[in-house]
Amino acid sequence: TAVYYCVVLKYYSHYVVLRTSVSY
């Protein structure tokens, strides 16, 4: 249960994805 957000990422990673990775 949560609000789900779609995002555009600055780059793809298969190791770690942070809020700072998001551009939109």
mmCIF file of all heavy atoms, coordinates in Angstrom:
data_MODEL
# 
_entry.id   MODEL 
# 
loop_
_atom_site.group_PDB 
_atom_site.id 
_atom_site.type_symbol 
_atom_site.label_atom_id 
_atom_site.label_alt_id 
_atom_site.label_comp_id 
_atom_site.label_asym_id 
_atom_site.label_entity_id 
_atom_site.label_seq_id 
_atom_site.pdbx_PDB_ins_code 
_atom_site.Cartn_x 
_atom_site.Cartn_y 
_atom_site.Cartn_z 
_atom_site.occupancy 
_atom_site.B_iso_or_equiv 
_atom_site.pdbx_formal_charge 
_atom_site.auth_seq_id 
_atom_site.auth_comp_id 
_atom_site.auth_asym_id 
_atom_site.auth_atom_id 
_atom_site.pdbx_PDB_model_num 
ATOM 1   N N   . THR A 1 1  ? 0.832  -1.196 0.000   1.00 0.00 ? 1  THR A N   1 
ATOM 2   C CA  . THR A 1 1  ? 0.000  0.000  0.000   1.00 0.00 ? 1  THR A CA  1 
ATOM 3   C C   . THR A 1 1  ? 0.873  1.254  0.000   1.00 0.00 ? 1  THR A C   1 
ATOM 4   O O   . THR A 1 1  ? 1.721  1.436  0.877   1.00 0.00 ? 1  THR A O   1 
ATOM 5   C CB  . THR A 1 1  ? -0.928 0.014  1.214   1.00 0.00 ? 1  THR A CB  1 
ATOM 6   O OG1 . THR A 1 1  ? -1.857 -1.068 1.122   1.00 0.00 ? 1  THR A OG1 1 
ATOM 7   C CG2 . THR A 1 1  ? -1.706 1.323  1.298   1.00 0.00 ? 1  THR A CG2 1 
ATOM 8   N N   . ALA A 1 2  ? 0.661  2.100  -1.006  1.00 0.00 ? 2  ALA A N   1 
ATOM 9   C CA  . ALA A 1 2  ? 1.490  3.295  -1.163  1.00 0.00 ? 2  ALA A CA  1 
ATOM 10  C C   . ALA A 1 2  ? 0.977  4.103  -2.342  1.00 0.00 ? 2  ALA A C   1 
ATOM 11  O O   . ALA A 1 2  ? 0.159  3.627  -3.137  1.00 0.00 ? 2  ALA A O   1 
ATOM 12  C CB  . ALA A 1 2  ? 2.953  2.919  -1.401  1.00 0.00 ? 2  ALA A CB  1 
ATOM 13  N N   . VAL A 1 3  ? 1.479  5.316  -2.470  1.00 0.00 ? 3  VAL A N   1 
ATOM 14  C CA  . VAL A 1 3  ? 1.346  6.077  -3.701  1.00 0.00 ? 3  VAL A CA  1 
ATOM 15  C C   . VAL A 1 3  ? 2.513  5.687  -4.598  1.00 0.00 ? 3  VAL A C   1 
ATOM 16  O O   . VAL A 1 3  ? 3.672  5.745  -4.172  1.00 0.00 ? 3  VAL A O   1 
ATOM 17  C CB  . VAL A 1 3  ? 1.348  7.590  -3.448  1.00 0.00 ? 3  VAL A CB  1 
ATOM 18  C CG1 . VAL A 1 3  ? 1.298  8.356  -4.769  1.00 0.00 ? 3  VAL A CG1 1 
ATOM 19  C CG2 . VAL A 1 3  ? 0.164  7.981  -2.570  1.00 0.00 ? 3  VAL A CG2 1 
ATOM 20  N N   . TYR A 1 4  ? 2.210  5.281  -5.817  1.00 0.00 ? 4  TYR A N   1 
ATOM 21  C CA  . TYR A 1 4  ? 3.225  4.833  -6.766  1.00 0.00 ? 4  TYR A CA  1 
ATOM 22  C C   . TYR A 1 4  ? 3.501  5.929  -7.787  1.00 0.00 ? 4  TYR A C   1 
ATOM 23  O O   . TYR A 1 4  ? 2.573  6.487  -8.378  1.00 0.00 ? 4  TYR A O   1 
ATOM 24  C CB  . TYR A 1 4  ? 2.774  3.552  -7.470  1.00 0.00 ? 4  TYR A CB  1 
ATOM 25  C CG  . TYR A 1 4  ? 2.912  2.333  -6.596  1.00 0.00 ? 4  TYR A CG  1 
ATOM 26  C CD1 . TYR A 1 4  ? 2.064  2.130  -5.516  1.00 0.00 ? 4  TYR A CD1 1 
ATOM 27  C CD2 . TYR A 1 4  ? 3.916  1.393  -6.830  1.00 0.00 ? 4  TYR A CD2 1 
ATOM 28  C CE1 . TYR A 1 4  ? 2.204  1.031  -4.693  1.00 0.00 ? 4  TYR A CE1 1 
ATOM 29  C CE2 . TYR A 1 4  ? 4.055  0.286  -6.012  1.00 0.00 ? 4  TYR A CE2 1 
ATOM 30  C CZ  . TYR A 1 4  ? 3.200  0.106  -4.945  1.00 0.00 ? 4  TYR A CZ  1 
ATOM 31  O OH  . TYR A 1 4  ? 3.347  -1.001 -4.139  1.00 0.00 ? 4  TYR A OH  1 
ATOM 32  N N   . TYR A 1 5  ? 4.779  6.218  -7.996  1.00 0.00 ? 5  TYR A N   1 
ATOM 33  C CA  . TYR A 1 5  ? 5.217  7.290  -8.874  1.00 0.00 ? 5  TYR A CA  1 
ATOM 34  C C   . TYR A 1 5  ? 6.017  6.739  -10.043 1.00 0.00 ? 5  TYR A C   1 
ATOM 35  O O   . TYR A 1 5  ? 6.969  5.985  -9.845  1.00 0.00 ? 5  TYR A O   1 
ATOM 36  C CB  . TYR A 1 5  ? 6.106  8.281  -8.120  1.00 0.00 ? 5  TYR A CB  1 
ATOM 37  C CG  . TYR A 1 5  ? 5.414  8.993  -6.985  1.00 0.00 ? 5  TYR A CG  1 
ATOM 38  C CD1 . TYR A 1 5  ? 5.430  8.462  -5.701  1.00 0.00 ? 5  TYR A CD1 1 
ATOM 39  C CD2 . TYR A 1 5  ? 4.761  10.200 -7.196  1.00 0.00 ? 5  TYR A CD2 1 
ATOM 40  C CE1 . TYR A 1 5  ? 4.802  9.114  -4.658  1.00 0.00 ? 5  TYR A CE1 1 
ATOM 41  C CE2 . TYR A 1 5  ? 4.128  10.856 -6.157  1.00 0.00 ? 5  TYR A CE2 1 
ATOM 42  C CZ  . TYR A 1 5  ? 4.160  10.309 -4.887  1.00 0.00 ? 5  TYR A CZ  1 
ATOM 43  O OH  . TYR A 1 5  ? 3.538  10.957 -3.849  1.00 0.00 ? 5  TYR A OH  1 
ATOM 44  N N   . CYS A 1 6  ? 5.647  7.131  -11.232 1.00 0.00 ? 6  CYS A N   1 
ATOM 45  C CA  . CYS A 1 6  ? 6.432  6.864  -12.429 1.00 0.00 ? 6  CYS A CA  1 
ATOM 46  C C   . CYS A 1 6  ? 7.541  7.902  -12.532 1.00 0.00 ? 6  CYS A C   1 
ATOM 47  O O   . CYS A 1 6  ? 7.331  9.073  -12.211 1.00 0.00 ? 6  CYS A O   1 
ATOM 48  C CB  . CYS A 1 6  ? 5.517  6.929  -13.645 1.00 0.00 ? 6  CYS A CB  1 
ATOM 49  S SG  . CYS A 1 6  ? 6.316  6.669  -15.225 1.00 0.00 ? 6  CYS A SG  1 
ATOM 50  N N   . VAL A 1 7  ? 8.727  7.485  -12.977 1.00 0.00 ? 7  VAL A N   1 
ATOM 51  C CA  . VAL A 1 7  ? 9.856  8.404  -13.052 1.00 0.00 ? 7  VAL A CA  1 
ATOM 52  C C   . VAL A 1 7  ? 10.665 8.212  -14.320 1.00 0.00 ? 7  VAL A C   1 
ATOM 53  O O   . VAL A 1 7  ? 10.737 7.110  -14.868 1.00 0.00 ? 7  VAL A O   1 
ATOM 54  C CB  . VAL A 1 7  ? 10.804 8.252  -11.839 1.00 0.00 ? 7  VAL A CB  1 
ATOM 55  C CG1 . VAL A 1 7  ? 10.075 8.540  -10.540 1.00 0.00 ? 7  VAL A CG1 1 
ATOM 56  C CG2 . VAL A 1 7  ? 11.440 6.865  -11.805 1.00 0.00 ? 7  VAL A CG2 1 
ATOM 57  N N   . VAL A 1 8  ? 11.274 9.303  -14.769 1.00 0.00 ? 8  VAL A N   1 
ATOM 58  C CA  . VAL A 1 8  ? 12.342 9.267  -15.759 1.00 0.00 ? 8  VAL A CA  1 
ATOM 59  C C   . VAL A 1 8  ? 13.658 9.328  -14.999 1.00 0.00 ? 8  VAL A C   1 
ATOM 60  O O   . VAL A 1 8  ? 13.832 10.185 -14.130 1.00 0.00 ? 8  VAL A O   1 
ATOM 61  C CB  . VAL A 1 8  ? 12.250 10.440 -16.741 1.00 0.00 ? 8  VAL A CB  1 
ATOM 62  C CG1 . VAL A 1 8  ? 13.448 10.440 -17.696 1.00 0.00 ? 8  VAL A CG1 1 
ATOM 63  C CG2 . VAL A 1 8  ? 10.951 10.386 -17.530 1.00 0.00 ? 8  VAL A CG2 1 
ATOM 64  N N   . LEU A 1 9  ? 14.568 8.439  -15.310 1.00 0.00 ? 9  LEU A N   1 
ATOM 65  C CA  . LEU A 1 9  ? 15.855 8.388  -14.648 1.00 0.00 ? 9  LEU A CA  1 
ATOM 66  C C   . LEU A 1 9  ? 16.938 9.033  -15.501 1.00 0.00 ? 9  LEU A C   1 
ATOM 67  O O   . LEU A 1 9  ? 16.886 8.981  -16.728 1.00 0.00 ? 9  LEU A O   1 
ATOM 68  C CB  . LEU A 1 9  ? 16.240 6.943  -14.331 1.00 0.00 ? 9  LEU A CB  1 
ATOM 69  C CG  . LEU A 1 9  ? 15.316 6.256  -13.313 1.00 0.00 ? 9  LEU A CG  1 
ATOM 70  C CD1 . LEU A 1 9  ? 15.563 4.758  -13.301 1.00 0.00 ? 9  LEU A CD1 1 
ATOM 71  C CD2 . LEU A 1 9  ? 15.539 6.834  -11.923 1.00 0.00 ? 9  LEU A CD2 1 
ATOM 72  N N   . LYS A 1 10 ? 17.928 9.614  -14.829 1.00 0.00 ? 10 LYS A N   1 
ATOM 73  C CA  . LYS A 1 10 ? 19.040 10.239 -15.523 1.00 0.00 ? 10 LYS A CA  1 
ATOM 74  C C   . LYS A 1 10 ? 19.908 9.209  -16.237 1.00 0.00 ? 10 LYS A C   1 
ATOM 75  O O   . LYS A 1 10 ? 20.557 9.526  -17.230 1.00 0.00 ? 10 LYS A O   1 
ATOM 76  C CB  . LYS A 1 10 ? 19.887 11.039 -14.530 1.00 0.00 ? 10 LYS A CB  1 
ATOM 77  C CG  . LYS A 1 10 ? 19.141 12.169 -13.858 1.00 0.00 ? 10 LYS A CG  1 
ATOM 78  C CD  . LYS A 1 10 ? 19.986 12.812 -12.781 1.00 0.00 ? 10 LYS A CD  1 
ATOM 79  C CE  . LYS A 1 10 ? 19.212 13.886 -12.047 1.00 0.00 ? 10 LYS A CE  1 
ATOM 80  N NZ  . LYS A 1 10 ? 19.995 14.471 -10.936 1.00 0.00 ? 10 LYS A NZ  1 
ATOM 81  N N   . TYR A 1 11 ? 19.899 7.981  -15.705 1.00 0.00 ? 11 TYR A N   1 
ATOM 82  C CA  . TYR A 1 11 ? 20.690 6.899  -16.259 1.00 0.00 ? 11 TYR A CA  1 
ATOM 83  C C   . TYR A 1 11 ? 20.143 5.593  -15.699 1.00 0.00 ? 11 TYR A C   1 
ATOM 84  O O   . TYR A 1 11 ? 19.484 5.582  -14.662 1.00 0.00 ? 11 TYR A O   1 
ATOM 85  C CB  . TYR A 1 11 ? 22.179 7.047  -15.899 1.00 0.00 ? 11 TYR A CB  1 
ATOM 86  C CG  . TYR A 1 11 ? 22.399 7.392  -14.445 1.00 0.00 ? 11 TYR A CG  1 
ATOM 87  C CD1 . TYR A 1 11 ? 22.390 6.408  -13.474 1.00 0.00 ? 11 TYR A CD1 1 
ATOM 88  C CD2 . TYR A 1 11 ? 22.607 8.713  -14.050 1.00 0.00 ? 11 TYR A CD2 1 
ATOM 89  C CE1 . TYR A 1 11 ? 22.568 6.721  -12.133 1.00 0.00 ? 11 TYR A CE1 1 
ATOM 90  C CE2 . TYR A 1 11 ? 22.789 9.036  -12.718 1.00 0.00 ? 11 TYR A CE2 1 
ATOM 91  C CZ  . TYR A 1 11 ? 22.768 8.034  -11.760 1.00 0.00 ? 11 TYR A CZ  1 
ATOM 92  O OH  . TYR A 1 11 ? 22.948 8.361  -10.445 1.00 0.00 ? 11 TYR A OH  1 
ATOM 93  N N   . TYR A 1 12 ? 20.440 4.490  -16.382 1.00 0.00 ? 12 TYR A N   1 
ATOM 94  C CA  . TYR A 1 12 ? 20.009 3.184  -15.905 1.00 0.00 ? 12 TYR A CA  1 
ATOM 95  C C   . TYR A 1 12 ? 21.063 2.579  -14.985 1.00 0.00 ? 12 TYR A C   1 
ATOM 96  O O   . TYR A 1 12 ? 22.259 2.673  -15.247 1.00 0.00 ? 12 TYR A O   1 
ATOM 97  C CB  . TYR A 1 12 ? 19.756 2.226  -17.070 1.00 0.00 ? 12 TYR A CB  1 
ATOM 98  C CG  . TYR A 1 12 ? 19.445 0.829  -16.609 1.00 0.00 ? 12 TYR A CG  1 
ATOM 99  C CD1 . TYR A 1 12 ? 18.187 0.518  -16.113 1.00 0.00 ? 12 TYR A CD1 1 
ATOM 100 C CD2 . TYR A 1 12 ? 20.411 -0.167 -16.623 1.00 0.00 ? 12 TYR A CD2 1 
ATOM 101 C CE1 . TYR A 1 12 ? 17.895 -0.754 -15.657 1.00 0.00 ? 12 TYR A CE1 1 
ATOM 102 C CE2 . TYR A 1 12 ? 20.125 -1.445 -16.167 1.00 0.00 ? 12 TYR A CE2 1 
ATOM 103 C CZ  . TYR A 1 12 ? 18.872 -1.729 -15.683 1.00 0.00 ? 12 TYR A CZ  1 
ATOM 104 O OH  . TYR A 1 12 ? 18.581 -2.990 -15.224 1.00 0.00 ? 12 TYR A OH  1 
ATOM 105 N N   . SER A 1 13 ? 20.597 1.927  -13.916 1.00 0.00 ? 13 SER A N   1 
ATOM 106 C CA  . SER A 1 13 ? 21.482 1.205  -13.014 1.00 0.00 ? 13 SER A CA  1 
ATOM 107 C C   . SER A 1 13 ? 20.816 -0.087 -12.577 1.00 0.00 ? 13 SER A C   1 
ATOM 108 O O   . SER A 1 13 ? 19.606 -0.112 -12.325 1.00 0.00 ? 13 SER A O   1 
ATOM 109 C CB  . SER A 1 13 ? 21.820 2.053  -11.790 1.00 0.00 ? 13 SER A CB  1 
ATOM 110 O OG  . SER A 1 13 ? 22.591 1.311  -10.858 1.00 0.00 ? 13 SER A OG  1 
ATOM 111 N N   . HIS A 1 14 ? 21.599 -1.157 -12.472 1.00 0.00 ? 14 HIS A N   1 
ATOM 112 C CA  . HIS A 1 14 ? 21.108 -2.418 -11.916 1.00 0.00 ? 14 HIS A CA  1 
ATOM 113 C C   . HIS A 1 14 ? 21.734 -2.690 -10.556 1.00 0.00 ? 14 HIS A C   1 
ATOM 114 O O   . HIS A 1 14 ? 21.720 -3.830 -10.083 1.00 0.00 ? 14 HIS A O   1 
ATOM 115 C CB  . HIS A 1 14 ? 21.371 -3.582 -12.878 1.00 0.00 ? 14 HIS A CB  1 
ATOM 116 C CG  . HIS A 1 14 ? 22.818 -3.808 -13.194 1.00 0.00 ? 14 HIS A CG  1 
ATOM 117 N ND1 . HIS A 1 14 ? 23.444 -3.192 -14.257 1.00 0.00 ? 14 HIS A ND1 1 
ATOM 118 C CD2 . HIS A 1 14 ? 23.749 -4.588 -12.604 1.00 0.00 ? 14 HIS A CD2 1 
ATOM 119 C CE1 . HIS A 1 14 ? 24.702 -3.580 -14.292 1.00 0.00 ? 14 HIS A CE1 1 
ATOM 120 N NE2 . HIS A 1 14 ? 24.912 -4.427 -13.299 1.00 0.00 ? 14 HIS A NE2 1 
ATOM 121 N N   . TYR A 1 15 ? 22.244 -1.652 -9.915  1.00 0.00 ? 15 TYR A N   1 
ATOM 122 C CA  . TYR A 1 15 ? 22.902 -1.773 -8.629  1.00 0.00 ? 15 TYR A CA  1 
ATOM 123 C C   . TYR A 1 15 ? 22.199 -0.962 -7.539  1.00 0.00 ? 15 TYR A C   1 
ATOM 124 O O   . TYR A 1 15 ? 21.884 -1.493 -6.468  1.00 0.00 ? 15 TYR A O   1 
ATOM 125 C CB  . TYR A 1 15 ? 24.371 -1.352 -8.743  1.00 0.00 ? 15 TYR A CB  1 
ATOM 126 C CG  . TYR A 1 15 ? 25.144 -1.474 -7.455  1.00 0.00 ? 15 TYR A CG  1 
ATOM 127 C CD1 . TYR A 1 15 ? 25.380 -2.717 -6.878  1.00 0.00 ? 15 TYR A CD1 1 
ATOM 128 C CD2 . TYR A 1 15 ? 25.645 -0.347 -6.817  1.00 0.00 ? 15 TYR A CD2 1 
ATOM 129 C CE1 . TYR A 1 15 ? 26.088 -2.835 -5.695  1.00 0.00 ? 15 TYR A CE1 1 
ATOM 130 C CE2 . TYR A 1 15 ? 26.360 -0.457 -5.637  1.00 0.00 ? 15 TYR A CE2 1 
ATOM 131 C CZ  . TYR A 1 15 ? 26.580 -1.697 -5.078  1.00 0.00 ? 15 TYR A CZ  1 
ATOM 132 O OH  . TYR A 1 15 ? 27.289 -1.803 -3.903  1.00 0.00 ? 15 TYR A OH  1 
ATOM 133 N N   . VAL A 1 16 ? 21.978 0.323  -7.781  1.00 0.00 ? 16 VAL A N   1 
ATOM 134 C CA  . VAL A 1 16 ? 21.300 1.168  -6.810  1.00 0.00 ? 16 VAL A CA  1 
ATOM 135 C C   . VAL A 1 16 ? 20.591 2.305  -7.545  1.00 0.00 ? 16 VAL A C   1 
ATOM 136 O O   . VAL A 1 16 ? 21.127 2.854  -8.512  1.00 0.00 ? 16 VAL A O   1 
ATOM 137 C CB  . VAL A 1 16 ? 22.284 1.715  -5.756  1.00 0.00 ? 16 VAL A CB  1 
ATOM 138 C CG1 . VAL A 1 16 ? 23.343 2.612  -6.398  1.00 0.00 ? 16 VAL A CG1 1 
ATOM 139 C CG2 . VAL A 1 16 ? 21.541 2.465  -4.652  1.00 0.00 ? 16 VAL A CG2 1 
ATOM 140 N N   . VAL A 1 17 ? 19.384 2.631  -7.096  1.00 0.00 ? 17 VAL A N   1 
ATOM 141 C CA  . VAL A 1 17 ? 18.613 3.732  -7.667  1.00 0.00 ? 17 VAL A CA  1 
ATOM 142 C C   . VAL A 1 17 ? 18.135 4.609  -6.515  1.00 0.00 ? 17 VAL A C   1 
ATOM 143 O O   . VAL A 1 17 ? 17.407 4.148  -5.632  1.00 0.00 ? 17 VAL A O   1 
ATOM 144 C CB  . VAL A 1 17 ? 17.419 3.237  -8.495  1.00 0.00 ? 17 VAL A CB  1 
ATOM 145 C CG1 . VAL A 1 17 ? 16.674 4.428  -9.096  1.00 0.00 ? 17 VAL A CG1 1 
ATOM 146 C CG2 . VAL A 1 17 ? 17.883 2.294  -9.603  1.00 0.00 ? 17 VAL A CG2 1 
ATOM 147 N N   . LEU A 1 18 ? 18.534 5.857  -6.534  1.00 0.00 ? 18 LEU A N   1 
ATOM 148 C CA  . LEU A 1 18 ? 18.218 6.813  -5.483  1.00 0.00 ? 18 LEU A CA  1 
ATOM 149 C C   . LEU A 1 18 ? 17.276 7.896  -6.001  1.00 0.00 ? 18 LEU A C   1 
ATOM 150 O O   . LEU A 1 18 ? 17.089 8.046  -7.210  1.00 0.00 ? 18 LEU A O   1 
ATOM 151 C CB  . LEU A 1 18 ? 19.494 7.470  -4.959  1.00 0.00 ? 18 LEU A CB  1 
ATOM 152 C CG  . LEU A 1 18 ? 20.600 6.529  -4.487  1.00 0.00 ? 18 LEU A CG  1 
ATOM 153 C CD1 . LEU A 1 18 ? 21.845 7.330  -4.151  1.00 0.00 ? 18 LEU A CD1 1 
ATOM 154 C CD2 . LEU A 1 18 ? 20.143 5.711  -3.297  1.00 0.00 ? 18 LEU A CD2 1 
ATOM 155 N N   . ARG A 1 19 ? 16.697 8.683  -5.084  1.00 0.00 ? 19 ARG A N   1 
ATOM 156 C CA  . ARG A 1 19 ? 15.865 9.809  -5.487  1.00 0.00 ? 19 ARG A CA  1 
ATOM 157 C C   . ARG A 1 19 ? 16.641 10.796 -6.339  1.00 0.00 ? 19 ARG A C   1 
ATOM 158 O O   . ARG A 1 19 ? 16.073 11.427 -7.239  1.00 0.00 ? 19 ARG A O   1 
ATOM 159 C CB  . ARG A 1 19 ? 15.291 10.519 -4.260  1.00 0.00 ? 19 ARG A CB  1 
ATOM 160 C CG  . ARG A 1 19 ? 14.265 9.701  -3.501  1.00 0.00 ? 19 ARG A CG  1 
ATOM 161 C CD  . ARG A 1 19 ? 13.707 10.485 -2.340  1.00 0.00 ? 19 ARG A CD  1 
ATOM 162 N NE  . ARG A 1 19 ? 12.983 11.665 -2.784  1.00 0.00 ? 19 ARG A NE  1 
ATOM 163 C CZ  . ARG A 1 19 ? 12.477 12.585 -1.984  1.00 0.00 ? 19 ARG A CZ  1 
ATOM 164 N NH1 . ARG A 1 19 ? 12.599 12.458 -0.674  1.00 0.00 ? 19 ARG A NH1 1 
ATOM 165 N NH2 . ARG A 1 19 ? 11.835 13.631 -2.488  1.00 0.00 ? 19 ARG A NH2 1 
ATOM 166 N N   . THR A 1 20 ? 17.936 10.921 -6.089  1.00 0.00 ? 20 THR A N   1 
ATOM 167 C CA  . THR A 1 20 ? 18.767 11.826 -6.864  1.00 0.00 ? 20 THR A CA  1 
ATOM 168 C C   . THR A 1 20 ? 19.015 11.324 -8.279  1.00 0.00 ? 20 THR A C   1 
ATOM 169 O O   . THR A 1 20 ? 19.549 12.064 -9.103  1.00 0.00 ? 20 THR A O   1 
ATOM 170 C CB  . THR A 1 20 ? 20.103 12.070 -6.163  1.00 0.00 ? 20 THR A CB  1 
ATOM 171 O OG1 . THR A 1 20 ? 20.728 10.819 -5.862  1.00 0.00 ? 20 THR A OG1 1 
ATOM 172 C CG2 . THR A 1 20 ? 19.901 12.845 -4.866  1.00 0.00 ? 20 THR A CG2 1 
ATOM 173 N N   . SER A 1 21 ? 18.648 10.075 -8.569  1.00 0.00 ? 21 SER A N   1 
ATOM 174 C CA  . SER A 1 21 ? 18.762 9.534  -9.914  1.00 0.00 ? 21 SER A CA  1 
ATOM 175 C C   . SER A 1 21 ? 17.604 9.964  -10.816 1.00 0.00 ? 21 SER A C   1 
ATOM 176 O O   . SER A 1 21 ? 17.649 9.715  -12.023 1.00 0.00 ? 21 SER A O   1 
ATOM 177 C CB  . SER A 1 21 ? 18.800 8.001  -9.873  1.00 0.00 ? 21 SER A CB  1 
ATOM 178 O OG  . SER A 1 21 ? 19.843 7.525  -9.050  1.00 0.00 ? 21 SER A OG  1 
ATOM 179 N N   . VAL A 1 22 ? 16.572 10.580 -10.241 1.00 0.00 ? 22 VAL A N   1 
ATOM 180 C CA  . VAL A 1 22 ? 15.343 10.898 -10.955 1.00 0.00 ? 22 VAL A CA  1 
ATOM 181 C C   . VAL A 1 22 ? 15.409 12.292 -11.556 1.00 0.00 ? 22 VAL A C   1 
ATOM 182 O O   . VAL A 1 22 ? 15.775 13.253 -10.876 1.00 0.00 ? 22 VAL A O   1 
ATOM 183 C CB  . VAL A 1 22 ? 14.130 10.804 -10.015 1.00 0.00 ? 22 VAL A CB  1 
ATOM 184 C CG1 . VAL A 1 22 ? 12.852 11.226 -10.732 1.00 0.00 ? 22 VAL A CG1 1 
ATOM 185 C CG2 . VAL A 1 22 ? 13.994 9.391  -9.467  1.00 0.00 ? 22 VAL A CG2 1 
ATOM 186 N N   . SER A 1 23 ? 15.040 12.398 -12.827 1.00 0.00 ? 23 SER A N   1 
ATOM 187 C CA  . SER A 1 23 ? 14.971 13.702 -13.476 1.00 0.00 ? 23 SER A CA  1 
ATOM 188 C C   . SER A 1 23 ? 13.544 14.241 -13.578 1.00 0.00 ? 23 SER A C   1 
ATOM 189 O O   . SER A 1 23 ? 13.340 15.460 -13.571 1.00 0.00 ? 23 SER A O   1 
ATOM 190 C CB  . SER A 1 23 ? 15.606 13.649 -14.868 1.00 0.00 ? 23 SER A CB  1 
ATOM 191 O OG  . SER A 1 23 ? 14.973 12.685 -15.691 1.00 0.00 ? 23 SER A OG  1 
ATOM 192 N N   . TYR A 1 24 ? 12.537 13.353 -13.681 1.00 0.00 ? 24 TYR A N   1 
ATOM 193 C CA  . TYR A 1 24 ? 11.138 13.758 -13.740 1.00 0.00 ? 24 TYR A CA  1 
ATOM 194 C C   . TYR A 1 24 ? 10.285 12.791 -12.941 1.00 0.00 ? 24 TYR A C   1 
ATOM 195 O O   . TYR A 1 24 ? 10.525 11.574 -12.958 1.00 0.00 ? 24 TYR A O   1 
ATOM 196 C CB  . TYR A 1 24 ? 10.618 13.792 -15.178 1.00 0.00 ? 24 TYR A CB  1 
ATOM 197 C CG  . TYR A 1 24 ? 11.277 14.822 -16.054 1.00 0.00 ? 24 TYR A CG  1 
ATOM 198 C CD1 . TYR A 1 24 ? 12.346 14.484 -16.863 1.00 0.00 ? 24 TYR A CD1 1 
ATOM 199 C CD2 . TYR A 1 24 ? 10.821 16.140 -16.066 1.00 0.00 ? 24 TYR A CD2 1 
ATOM 200 C CE1 . TYR A 1 24 ? 12.958 15.432 -17.668 1.00 0.00 ? 24 TYR A CE1 1 
ATOM 201 C CE2 . TYR A 1 24 ? 11.430 17.093 -16.866 1.00 0.00 ? 24 TYR A CE2 1 
ATOM 202 C CZ  . TYR A 1 24 ? 12.493 16.731 -17.663 1.00 0.00 ? 24 TYR A CZ  1 
ATOM 203 O OH  . TYR A 1 24 ? 13.098 17.665 -18.461 1.00 0.00 ? 24 TYR A OH  1 
# 
